[in-house]
Each structure stands twice: as structure tokens, then as C-alpha cells.
Amino acid sequence: MNSRNPFTPRMEIGSSSKQPEDIGGINTSSSSLHLPHKPKFTFSELLLQEKMNSRNTFTPRMEIGSSSRSVDAKIGSSRSIIAEIGSDRSNISMDFAASLNQPRLEQTITDPDTKDTYLLNLKIGSFSNGNCPVYRAVFSKYTYEAGRTLPYDHVTLKIINMNLRENEFNLIRSQSDTRIALFENTHIIRCKKTFITANLLCVCLPYMSEGSLRYILSTHPEKKLPERLIPVVLKEVLIGLQDELHVFYRPMPHNSLNAGDIFVNIHYYTKALSIKLAFETSVYDSEPPYCNGEEASSFLNPKSISIWGAAPEVFESENEDNRGAKSDIWLLGITALELVYGNLPVKNRTDFDYIINTLRVKKKFPKSLKKMMIKRDKKLKKVMDFAKRKKRVFSREFEEMVLACLRENPDERPTAKELLKTPFFSDIERFKQFVLNTNN
């Protein structure tokens, strides 16, 4: 976990001036240190328009952070080299072209609009099936008074090579236009800034020091979260859903809610813990492949749990109207099962449906889902029969909450607001100790 600790960040970009105010003798309380609004026509926007209008797969590249005049610089190649690569988009050509314009550790990327810099000092994840990298970066803000950049904070930087990942580029571009990127909220991870340089689209997000909850669980021997701590996490998620996504005037379903989308940050100085929900632009994988062990690799990938574990009205449906707030509530129940069991041992949707239907019928959750599946497959009489248990493994409140989320009819599932009214909550300080102690 030490490798994920920040370097003494002072405040999150755009945060209150009540944070520590002195970095290297520079007063940071001034409102001028907030990220500036983009001009009406910025360099990034002009470059973006040029990209959207162009049909050419490869274009001359610039040194990352250079001006538009610096074509054919260190990163990238001249037109003659690109011509040699060819335009048939073969695997060899694509791989070689990608290597010419990929960011690397200890490299500095400059925002051409503001002259702010981002020093990439740790790779912390990826997205788009591992095709696009995500870095922890030292953000340095350019101040015109000093005429130079000053270290400000750690941020998360998602990077997309627009030439090679046009689908991801278009997706992020469309997500950046939604209202979710416009307002501050303590429970949703917001996009702070997007800019383009050297055919790279950079998405700046707040830095979440401990990574996703799924990554955190992978660092603990049991690979699961004690039941007493689950209410702490789910409460923060429900508040985010209620306040920002499931609002009555313009509901926006999350659609991919799972343990990998719940991120945790511990402030370097105050040690305050915050739990935030990633959404659309801010979603990425912070855990390595098969982080739950080799055994888990034989089961369905938990990173895709929102697809194979989707609500009945959504699973294999091409009708987007089926997605909504109630399908998110279903995923919340599945997330609760993932947290309390560590992993869902299913190889297909049939296995998944068996688990859900059995839990509904028995109404008492077993200690191990794996043993329940063994009983079904091998017909072993001596395997734990949780239907005859006199003592519950989990609390009645937890089981009732999960079963309410997993009701077949979406109209019968509770809303985020209704779930928040239940007394299923716990002490956030205990959860922080769990995150910091990998021996739990």
C-alpha cells in the first residue's frame, strides 16, 4: 500500500481554501489557484475539431506539451516515417505507431491551454480492456505571477491515443459533455479537466490514494469485506446515486455499478477518509488481472459483473429503456454479495441465477457460495446445508436489504432514498482501519 501513497498533496484541485495553505512558501489560498475556465476557442478545442474533421488515421505528432508548431518532435515521427508504416491498420503497424506516441513514467505532459504540467510518476490502472493507461501524476500549476509552474497536488490522469483508440476518444468526449462533469459533489468522482496534446486526449481526475474497493480487497487475505463495514461503503454509494444520478428531473443510471467503481482516498495530512463512486468518464480499473487469485480465473471476470450479473430486465436486452435507477439498485445488491463473499463463483448466467434464486427461497445466506455450488453440482449430502442452520451467518438486516435489491420486478425494488432510511449503517473509522491494515 505504501506504493500508492501520495507525495504530500495539499488540496484537491478546486477544493476549499480551508485546506493547508502553504506549499513551498507559496500561498495557495487564493482563488486564482483553481483550474481556470477554458477560453471560448482553446488550442485543445481547435485540435479536437481538426481531429474530428480529418479522416487520416495517422497525423504528424508533437512532443507532449509542445505548441502546435512543434510537429515531428521527440514523441511521434515525421510524415516520411508514418508513410513507411502504411495505412492498412495492420497489427504490426498499429503496435509500432502506438509505441511512437505512448506516454511513459517520469514524463511530463503539458496542457497547451494553461501551461500546467503533469509529471507521470506511477501507473495505477487502465481502461478499455487495458488498452489505455491511467497514471498518478504530480500536478504543477502555472502561475503568471511567478512565470513558472509550482507543485500543487497529485491527480489521476487517463490518457487516450486518439489515433489508435478512436472509439474510446469519442466515448470520453461524449461523456465529458454531460452534466456530471459540471458540478462538485463529495460522493461522485468528477472530471476536473480534459485537454489534447500530441494526439493524446488527457482526462484529469481527483487522485484516489487507495484505489478501488476491489483492489483493496485483493490486498487482504480473506479477499472480502466484513459485514459490519459494508454499510459504510454502501451508504456513500447510495448518497451519490440519490443526490446526483437518480434525481427526479433528469435521472442518469450508472449502469456499471460494482466494487471496482467504488474508490477510496485517505488525505495525506488530515487522514480523513472519503469514498466516492466513479461514473462514466472517471471509471477505470485499478486492480491487476485476476487480482483475486488463480482460482478466480476459472470463473466469470468480476470486472464484467455489471454485464453478466445485470438485472433481469437488462441482461441481453438491446432496449436501452430497460436501464434505469432500479437496475442500479439490482447492481447494488450484487455489489453487496461481492463484498461479503469476495467473489461470485459462477461460470455462466445459469450459475448466477441459481445463486440468486436459492438466496430468495432460503432467505438465509450461506457462509460460502462455493460450497453451495458444490452441493448443487456433486449432490454431496455432507456439504453445509444452510437451510437447516439455526444461527444466521449474516445479520437479518443485511440479508433483507440485499434481497430487496434483488427482487425480480424492478418496480418492487426500493429506491436509493428508501434504502438510506434503513438503520443499516456503521462507523466509518472502522472501515479506515480495515483499509490501512492489510492483515485483516
Protein backbone atom coordinates (compact mmCIF):
# COMPACT_ATOMS: atom_id res chain seq x y z
CA MET A 1 0.00 0.00 0.00
CA ASN A 2 2.94 2.33 0.54
CA SER A 3 3.50 2.48 -3.19
CA ARG A 4 0.10 4.11 -3.57
CA ASN A 5 0.69 6.89 -1.02
CA PRO A 6 0.74 10.47 -2.33
CA PHE A 7 3.73 12.80 -2.11
CA THR A 8 2.25 15.28 0.36
CA PRO A 9 -0.65 16.71 -1.60
CA ARG A 10 -2.09 19.89 -0.18
CA MET A 11 -5.54 20.07 -1.58
CA GLU A 12 -7.70 18.64 -4.31
CA ILE A 13 -7.91 20.83 -7.37
CA GLY A 14 -10.60 23.37 -6.87
CA SER A 15 -11.10 22.49 -3.20
CA SER A 16 -11.77 24.84 -0.34
CA SER A 17 -9.09 27.20 0.88
CA LYS A 18 -9.51 25.63 4.31
CA GLN A 19 -7.01 23.00 3.24
CA PRO A 20 -3.32 23.54 4.17
CA GLU A 21 -2.28 26.85 2.64
CA ASP A 22 1.48 26.80 2.24
CA ILE A 23 3.33 24.86 -0.40
CA GLY A 24 6.95 25.74 -0.69
CA GLY A 25 6.30 29.20 0.71
CA ILE A 26 3.59 29.95 -1.85
CA ASN A 27 0.20 30.94 -0.51
CA THR A 28 -2.39 28.55 -2.01
CA SER A 29 -5.49 30.15 -0.54
CA SER A 30 -6.06 32.46 -3.50
CA SER A 31 -8.95 31.61 -5.79
CA SER A 32 -6.56 32.07 -8.69
CA LEU A 33 -5.21 28.58 -7.98
CA HIS A 34 -8.44 26.96 -9.10
CA LEU A 35 -8.31 25.45 -12.55
CA PRO A 36 -9.25 28.25 -14.95
CA HIS A 37 -12.24 28.03 -17.24
CA LYS A 38 -11.39 27.14 -20.80
CA PRO A 39 -11.37 30.03 -23.27
CA LYS A 40 -14.04 30.10 -25.94
CA PHE A 41 -11.61 28.76 -28.53
CA THR A 42 -8.70 26.92 -26.91
CA PHE A 43 -5.87 25.11 -28.57
CA SER A 44 -7.39 21.81 -27.46
CA GLU A 45 -10.75 22.62 -28.97
CA LEU A 46 -9.22 23.66 -32.28
CA LEU A 47 -7.14 20.47 -32.34
CA LEU A 48 -10.20 18.46 -31.41
CA GLN A 49 -12.18 19.95 -34.30
CA GLU A 50 -9.30 19.22 -36.66
CA LYS A 51 -9.27 15.63 -35.46
CA MET A 52 -13.00 15.17 -35.93
CA ASN A 53 -12.86 16.64 -39.44
CA SER A 54 -9.91 14.55 -40.55
CA ARG A 55 -10.23 11.04 -41.96
CA ASN A 56 -6.47 10.38 -41.90
CA THR A 57 -5.54 7.63 -39.45
CA PHE A 58 -2.03 8.90 -38.69
CA THR A 59 -1.03 12.52 -38.41
CA PRO A 60 2.26 14.24 -37.57
CA ARG A 61 2.86 14.10 -33.85
CA MET A 62 4.25 16.63 -31.42
CA GLU A 63 6.31 16.43 -28.30
CA ILE A 64 3.88 16.06 -25.45
CA GLY A 65 3.04 19.51 -24.25
CA SER A 66 4.61 21.32 -27.21
CA SER A 67 2.95 24.05 -29.22
CA SER A 68 1.15 23.34 -32.46
CA ARG A 69 4.27 24.48 -34.32
CA SER A 70 6.43 21.68 -32.93
CA VAL A 71 5.47 18.86 -35.26
CA ASP A 72 7.87 15.98 -35.82
CA ALA A 73 9.40 16.34 -32.36
CA LYS A 74 10.59 13.79 -29.81
CA ILE A 75 7.37 11.84 -29.43
CA GLY A 76 5.92 10.81 -32.76
CA SER A 77 7.57 10.78 -36.12
CA SER A 78 7.86 12.67 -39.36
CA ARG A 79 5.47 12.19 -42.24
CA SER A 80 8.05 10.03 -44.03
CA ILE A 81 8.18 7.54 -41.15
CA ILE A 82 4.41 7.46 -40.92
CA ALA A 83 4.27 6.81 -44.67
CA GLU A 84 6.57 3.83 -44.18
CA ILE A 85 4.26 2.44 -41.54
CA GLY A 86 1.42 2.39 -44.02
CA SER A 87 -2.25 3.00 -43.54
CA ASP A 88 -3.65 -0.54 -43.61
CA ARG A 89 -4.03 -0.62 -39.81
CA SER A 90 -2.31 -3.98 -39.58
CA ASN A 91 -1.36 -5.22 -36.11
CA ILE A 92 2.33 -4.58 -36.70
CA SER A 93 1.74 -1.06 -37.99
CA MET A 94 -0.64 -0.27 -35.14
CA ASP A 95 1.74 -1.56 -32.47
CA PHE A 96 4.69 0.31 -33.92
CA ALA A 97 2.72 3.53 -34.29
CA ALA A 98 1.46 3.18 -30.73
CA SER A 99 4.99 2.88 -29.40
CA LEU A 100 5.91 6.18 -31.06
CA ASN A 101 3.36 8.21 -29.16
CA GLN A 102 2.79 6.47 -25.83
CA PRO A 103 3.40 8.23 -22.53
CA ARG A 104 5.95 6.79 -20.12
CA LEU A 105 6.84 7.11 -16.45
CA GLU A 106 8.74 10.21 -15.37
CA GLN A 107 7.49 12.04 -18.44
CA THR A 108 5.92 15.48 -18.17
CA ILE A 109 2.79 16.34 -20.12
CA THR A 110 1.91 20.00 -20.56
CA ASP A 111 -1.58 21.37 -21.02
CA PRO A 112 -1.12 23.68 -24.04
CA ASP A 113 -4.02 25.90 -22.94
CA THR A 114 -2.88 26.68 -19.39
CA LYS A 115 0.81 25.61 -19.34
CA ASP A 116 0.02 23.44 -16.31
CA THR A 117 2.16 20.29 -16.18
CA TYR A 118 1.55 16.67 -15.17
CA LEU A 119 4.54 14.50 -14.20
CA LEU A 120 3.65 10.82 -14.61
CA ASN A 121 5.22 9.05 -11.63
CA LEU A 122 3.17 5.87 -11.15
CA LYS A 123 0.91 3.74 -13.33
CA ILE A 124 -2.16 2.97 -11.23
CA GLY A 125 -4.52 1.29 -13.68
CA SER A 126 -6.02 1.14 -17.15
CA PHE A 127 -9.32 1.19 -19.01
CA SER A 128 -10.77 -0.05 -22.30
CA ASN A 129 -9.62 -3.63 -21.59
CA GLY A 130 -6.14 -2.45 -20.68
CA ASN A 131 -5.58 -0.54 -23.92
CA CYS A 132 -5.41 2.91 -22.33
CA PRO A 133 -3.16 3.68 -19.33
CA VAL A 134 -4.03 5.55 -16.15
CA TYR A 135 -1.31 7.33 -14.14
CA ARG A 136 -0.83 9.08 -10.88
CA ALA A 137 0.65 12.44 -11.82
CA VAL A 138 2.18 15.35 -9.95
CA PHE A 139 0.10 18.34 -10.98
CA SER A 140 2.01 21.63 -11.15
CA LYS A 141 0.04 24.79 -11.75
CA TYR A 142 1.46 27.52 -13.96
CA THR A 143 1.29 30.94 -12.32
CA TYR A 144 1.81 34.01 -14.47
CA GLU A 145 2.98 35.98 -11.42
CA ALA A 146 5.92 33.63 -10.86
CA GLY A 147 6.33 32.80 -14.54
CA ARG A 148 6.71 29.09 -13.78
CA THR A 149 4.86 26.02 -12.55
CA LEU A 150 4.54 25.19 -8.86
CA PRO A 151 3.79 21.68 -7.46
CA TYR A 152 0.18 21.60 -6.37
CA ASP A 153 -1.23 18.10 -5.83
CA HIS A 154 -1.47 14.56 -7.05
CA VAL A 155 -4.11 13.83 -9.69
CA THR A 156 -5.22 10.86 -11.75
CA LEU A 157 -4.59 11.14 -15.49
CA LYS A 158 -6.34 8.91 -18.02
CA ILE A 159 -4.64 9.02 -21.43
CA ILE A 160 -6.06 8.05 -24.81
CA ASN A 161 -4.10 7.90 -28.05
CA MET A 162 -6.73 9.37 -30.37
CA ASN A 163 -5.16 7.90 -33.49
CA LEU A 164 -5.33 4.34 -32.20
CA ARG A 165 -8.34 4.42 -29.87
CA GLU A 166 -10.91 6.48 -31.71
CA ASN A 167 -13.86 4.67 -30.09
CA GLU A 168 -12.61 5.45 -26.59
CA PHE A 169 -11.88 9.01 -27.64
CA ASN A 170 -15.43 9.52 -28.91
CA LEU A 171 -16.88 7.89 -25.79
CA ILE A 172 -14.94 10.09 -23.37
CA ARG A 173 -15.74 13.13 -25.49
CA SER A 174 -19.48 12.42 -25.30
CA GLN A 175 -19.32 11.71 -21.56
CA SER A 176 -17.45 14.93 -20.89
CA ASP A 177 -20.40 16.87 -22.28
CA THR A 178 -22.84 15.56 -19.68
CA ARG A 179 -23.82 17.50 -16.59
CA ILE A 180 -22.00 15.02 -14.36
CA ALA A 181 -18.75 16.86 -15.13
CA LEU A 182 -20.10 20.29 -14.28
CA PHE A 183 -20.93 20.22 -10.57
CA GLU A 184 -18.98 19.45 -7.43
CA ASN A 185 -20.18 16.56 -5.27
CA THR A 186 -18.46 14.79 -2.41
CA HIS A 187 -19.71 11.34 -3.41
CA ILE A 188 -19.06 11.25 -7.18
CA ILE A 189 -15.61 11.38 -8.80
CA ARG A 190 -15.68 14.34 -11.18
CA CYS A 191 -13.72 15.04 -14.31
CA LYS A 192 -11.54 18.06 -13.48
CA LYS A 193 -10.21 18.86 -16.92
CA THR A 194 -9.74 17.40 -20.39
CA PHE A 195 -7.14 18.60 -22.86
CA ILE A 196 -5.44 17.41 -26.02
CA THR A 197 -1.75 17.43 -26.80
CA ALA A 198 0.26 15.46 -29.36
CA ASN A 199 -2.82 13.45 -30.40
CA LEU A 200 -3.33 12.36 -26.80
CA LEU A 201 -6.59 13.06 -25.01
CA CYS A 202 -5.84 13.55 -21.30
CA VAL A 203 -8.59 13.29 -18.70
CA CYS A 204 -7.71 14.75 -15.29
CA LEU A 205 -9.48 13.28 -12.24
CA PRO A 206 -9.04 13.59 -8.48
CA TYR A 207 -6.43 11.17 -7.13
CA MET A 208 -7.90 8.36 -5.01
CA SER A 209 -4.93 7.11 -2.99
CA GLU A 210 -6.14 3.60 -2.10
CA GLY A 211 -7.62 2.65 -5.45
CA SER A 212 -10.90 0.82 -5.92
CA LEU A 213 -12.59 -1.26 -3.27
CA ARG A 214 -11.96 -4.37 -5.37
CA TYR A 215 -8.24 -3.56 -5.38
CA ILE A 216 -8.30 -3.03 -1.60
CA LEU A 217 -9.95 -6.42 -1.06
CA SER A 218 -7.30 -8.06 -3.25
CA THR A 219 -4.63 -6.93 -0.75
CA HIS A 220 -6.34 -8.66 2.20
CA PRO A 221 -6.03 -12.40 2.90
CA GLU A 222 -9.79 -13.01 3.08
CA LYS A 223 -10.47 -11.06 -0.15
CA LYS A 224 -13.76 -9.86 1.31
CA LEU A 225 -15.21 -7.12 3.48
CA PRO A 226 -16.59 -7.81 6.98
CA GLU A 227 -20.34 -7.28 7.07
CA ARG A 228 -20.06 -4.55 9.71
CA LEU A 229 -18.14 -2.39 7.21
CA ILE A 230 -20.38 -2.88 4.18
CA PRO A 231 -22.98 -0.31 5.35
CA VAL A 232 -20.25 2.35 5.46
CA VAL A 233 -19.45 1.83 1.78
CA LEU A 234 -22.98 1.39 0.51
CA LYS A 235 -24.19 4.49 2.32
CA GLU A 236 -21.74 6.68 0.40
CA VAL A 237 -22.73 5.00 -2.87
CA LEU A 238 -26.44 5.48 -2.18
CA ILE A 239 -25.96 9.16 -1.38
CA GLY A 240 -24.17 9.62 -4.69
CA LEU A 241 -26.96 7.83 -6.54
CA GLN A 242 -29.69 9.74 -4.74
CA ASP A 243 -28.17 13.22 -4.98
CA GLU A 244 -26.64 13.19 -8.47
CA LEU A 245 -27.73 10.25 -10.63
CA HIS A 246 -31.24 9.21 -9.65
CA VAL A 247 -32.61 12.75 -9.47
CA PHE A 248 -36.22 13.13 -10.49
CA TYR A 249 -35.79 15.84 -13.14
CA ARG A 250 -33.12 14.06 -15.17
CA PRO A 251 -32.26 10.56 -13.97
CA MET A 252 -28.96 9.10 -15.15
CA PRO A 253 -28.50 5.38 -14.39
CA HIS A 254 -24.97 4.34 -13.51
CA ASN A 255 -25.29 1.03 -15.45
CA SER A 256 -21.95 -0.47 -14.34
CA LEU A 257 -22.08 -0.18 -10.54
CA ASN A 258 -19.72 -2.68 -8.88
CA ALA A 259 -16.89 -2.87 -6.34
CA GLY A 260 -14.40 -1.75 -8.99
CA ASP A 261 -16.23 1.56 -9.40
CA ILE A 262 -16.06 2.47 -5.69
CA PHE A 263 -12.83 4.33 -4.88
CA VAL A 264 -11.24 5.25 -1.56
CA ASN A 265 -8.96 8.14 -0.67
CA ILE A 266 -7.14 8.93 2.57
CA HIS A 267 -5.88 12.51 2.79
CA TYR A 268 -2.12 12.58 3.32
CA TYR A 269 -2.18 15.19 6.11
CA THR A 270 -5.59 15.04 7.77
CA LYS A 271 -6.01 11.25 7.35
CA ALA A 272 -9.64 11.90 6.52
CA LEU A 273 -11.18 9.06 4.52
CA SER A 274 -13.52 9.59 1.59
CA ILE A 275 -15.44 7.06 -0.50
CA LYS A 276 -16.52 8.10 -3.98
CA LEU A 277 -18.33 6.48 -6.87
CA ALA A 278 -16.71 6.60 -10.29
CA PHE A 279 -19.10 7.27 -13.15
CA GLU A 280 -18.59 7.21 -16.94
CA THR A 281 -15.54 9.44 -17.57
CA SER A 282 -13.95 8.66 -14.20
CA VAL A 283 -14.25 4.85 -14.36
CA TYR A 284 -11.05 2.79 -14.72
CA ASP A 285 -9.57 -0.49 -13.49
CA SER A 286 -7.18 -0.05 -10.57
CA GLU A 287 -6.66 -3.75 -9.94
CA PRO A 288 -4.42 -6.14 -11.90
CA PRO A 289 -5.88 -9.11 -13.86
CA TYR A 290 -7.04 -11.97 -11.66
CA CYS A 291 -6.36 -9.97 -8.52
CA ASN A 292 -8.49 -12.45 -6.55
CA GLY A 293 -6.12 -15.32 -7.28
CA GLU A 294 -5.67 -18.04 -9.89
CA GLU A 295 -8.78 -19.90 -8.74
CA ALA A 296 -10.94 -16.90 -9.60
CA SER A 297 -9.71 -17.02 -13.20
CA SER A 298 -11.91 -20.08 -13.84
CA PHE A 299 -15.00 -18.02 -13.04
CA LEU A 300 -16.56 -15.09 -14.87
CA ASN A 301 -14.43 -11.96 -14.70
CA PRO A 302 -15.61 -9.77 -11.79
CA LYS A 303 -14.63 -6.69 -13.82
CA SER A 304 -17.57 -7.53 -16.11
CA ILE A 305 -20.01 -8.31 -13.31
CA SER A 306 -22.32 -5.48 -14.36
CA ILE A 307 -22.77 -7.29 -17.70
CA TRP A 308 -23.17 -10.95 -16.75
CA GLY A 309 -24.76 -10.02 -13.42
CA ALA A 310 -27.11 -7.36 -14.79
CA ALA A 311 -30.73 -7.05 -13.71
CA PRO A 312 -33.16 -9.46 -15.45
CA GLU A 313 -34.75 -6.63 -17.44
CA VAL A 314 -31.33 -5.53 -18.69
CA PHE A 315 -29.47 -8.81 -19.26
CA GLU A 316 -29.00 -9.44 -23.00
CA SER A 317 -31.52 -6.72 -23.79
CA GLU A 318 -30.80 -4.22 -26.54
CA ASN A 319 -33.54 -1.89 -25.32
CA GLU A 320 -31.81 0.97 -23.51
CA ASP A 321 -35.15 1.99 -21.98
CA ASN A 322 -34.88 -1.06 -19.71
CA ARG A 323 -31.94 0.56 -17.93
CA GLY A 324 -32.76 2.88 -15.08
CA ALA A 325 -32.46 3.63 -11.40
CA LYS A 326 -33.94 0.27 -10.40
CA SER A 327 -31.37 -1.65 -12.47
CA ASP A 328 -28.70 0.23 -10.48
CA ILE A 329 -30.37 -0.94 -7.25
CA TRP A 330 -30.08 -4.52 -8.51
CA LEU A 331 -26.36 -3.99 -9.09
CA LEU A 332 -26.06 -2.54 -5.58
CA GLY A 333 -27.37 -5.85 -4.21
CA ILE A 334 -24.89 -7.78 -6.38
CA THR A 335 -22.11 -5.50 -5.15
CA ALA A 336 -23.08 -6.28 -1.55
CA LEU A 337 -22.75 -10.01 -2.33
CA GLU A 338 -19.37 -9.45 -3.98
CA LEU A 339 -18.13 -7.54 -0.94
CA VAL A 340 -19.31 -10.04 1.67
CA TYR A 341 -18.21 -13.17 -0.25
CA GLY A 342 -15.16 -11.78 -2.04
CA ASN A 343 -16.11 -13.32 -5.38
CA LEU A 344 -19.13 -14.89 -7.03
CA PRO A 345 -18.07 -18.42 -8.10
CA VAL A 346 -20.09 -18.62 -11.32
CA LYS A 347 -19.10 -19.81 -14.78
CA ASN A 348 -22.22 -18.66 -16.63
CA ARG A 349 -25.53 -16.89 -16.17
CA THR A 350 -27.19 -20.18 -15.18
CA ASP A 351 -24.90 -20.45 -12.15
CA PHE A 352 -25.61 -16.83 -11.30
CA ASP A 353 -29.39 -17.28 -11.50
CA TYR A 354 -29.13 -20.39 -9.32
CA ILE A 355 -27.39 -18.42 -6.55
CA ILE A 356 -29.89 -15.56 -6.64
CA ASN A 357 -32.95 -17.86 -6.72
CA THR A 358 -31.59 -20.02 -3.89
CA LEU A 359 -30.97 -16.99 -1.69
CA ARG A 360 -34.52 -15.81 -2.34
CA VAL A 361 -36.03 -19.16 -1.39
CA LYS A 362 -33.91 -19.94 1.68
CA LYS A 363 -33.72 -16.30 2.91
CA LYS A 364 -30.65 -17.29 4.93
CA PHE A 365 -27.31 -16.61 3.31
CA PRO A 366 -24.65 -19.37 3.48
CA LYS A 367 -21.15 -18.75 4.75
CA SER A 368 -19.72 -19.90 1.42
CA LEU A 369 -21.27 -19.66 -2.03
CA LYS A 370 -18.65 -22.07 -3.33
CA LYS A 371 -19.88 -24.83 -1.03
CA MET A 372 -23.43 -24.12 -2.13
CA MET A 373 -22.39 -24.64 -5.76
CA ILE A 374 -20.54 -27.85 -4.88
CA LYS A 375 -23.70 -29.18 -3.27
CA ARG A 376 -25.67 -28.47 -6.42
CA ASP A 377 -23.09 -29.98 -8.78
CA LYS A 378 -21.94 -33.04 -6.79
CA LYS A 379 -25.05 -33.73 -4.72
CA LEU A 380 -22.96 -34.07 -1.55
CA LYS A 381 -25.18 -34.62 1.48
CA LYS A 382 -22.48 -33.67 3.96
CA VAL A 383 -21.82 -30.28 2.46
CA MET A 384 -23.18 -27.46 4.60
CA ASP A 385 -26.95 -27.27 4.35
CA PHE A 386 -27.59 -23.65 5.21
CA ALA A 387 -31.39 -24.17 5.05
CA LYS A 388 -31.17 -26.09 8.35
CA ARG A 389 -28.95 -23.55 10.10
CA LYS A 390 -30.31 -22.35 13.43
CA LYS A 391 -27.87 -19.45 13.61
CA ARG A 392 -27.53 -16.83 10.89
CA VAL A 393 -24.13 -16.22 9.33
CA PHE A 394 -25.08 -12.64 8.50
CA SER A 395 -27.48 -10.21 10.11
CA ARG A 396 -31.16 -10.24 9.19
CA GLU A 397 -30.88 -6.53 8.24
CA PHE A 398 -28.14 -7.26 5.71
CA GLU A 399 -29.98 -10.18 4.14
CA GLU A 400 -33.25 -8.27 3.88
CA MET A 401 -31.52 -5.29 2.28
CA VAL A 402 -29.83 -7.47 -0.36
CA LEU A 403 -32.99 -9.45 -1.14
CA ALA A 404 -34.95 -6.21 -1.53
CA CYS A 405 -32.42 -5.05 -4.13
CA LEU A 406 -32.63 -8.40 -5.95
CA ARG A 407 -36.38 -8.53 -6.45
CA GLU A 408 -37.31 -9.80 -9.91
CA ASN A 409 -39.77 -6.99 -10.61
CA PRO A 410 -37.89 -3.67 -10.80
CA ASP A 411 -40.97 -1.78 -9.58
CA GLU A 412 -40.77 -3.68 -6.29
CA ARG A 413 -37.15 -2.74 -5.62
CA PRO A 414 -36.55 0.17 -3.23
CA THR A 415 -35.11 3.50 -4.33
CA ALA A 416 -31.78 4.84 -3.10
CA LYS A 417 -33.67 7.25 -0.85
CA GLU A 418 -35.72 4.44 0.69
CA LEU A 419 -32.63 2.31 1.33
CA LEU A 420 -30.92 5.22 3.08
CA LYS A 421 -33.74 5.32 5.62
CA THR A 422 -32.89 1.85 6.90
CA PRO A 423 -30.67 1.58 10.02
CA PHE A 424 -28.03 -0.38 8.13
CA PHE A 425 -25.02 1.84 8.72
CA SER A 426 -21.74 1.67 10.66
CA ASP A 427 -18.70 3.61 11.85
CA ILE A 428 -16.51 4.97 9.05
CA GLU A 429 -13.44 4.95 11.32
CA ARG A 430 -13.52 1.15 11.48
CA PHE A 431 -13.53 0.98 7.70
CA LYS A 432 -10.47 3.23 7.50
CA GLN A 433 -8.57 0.89 9.82
CA PHE A 434 -9.53 -2.03 7.58
CA VAL A 435 -8.19 -0.23 4.51
CA LEU A 436 -4.88 0.58 6.20
CA ASN A 437 -4.37 -2.87 7.73
CA THR A 438 -3.68 -5.46 5.04
CA ASN A 439 -3.55 -8.26 7.65
CA ASN A 440 -7.30 -8.10 8.37
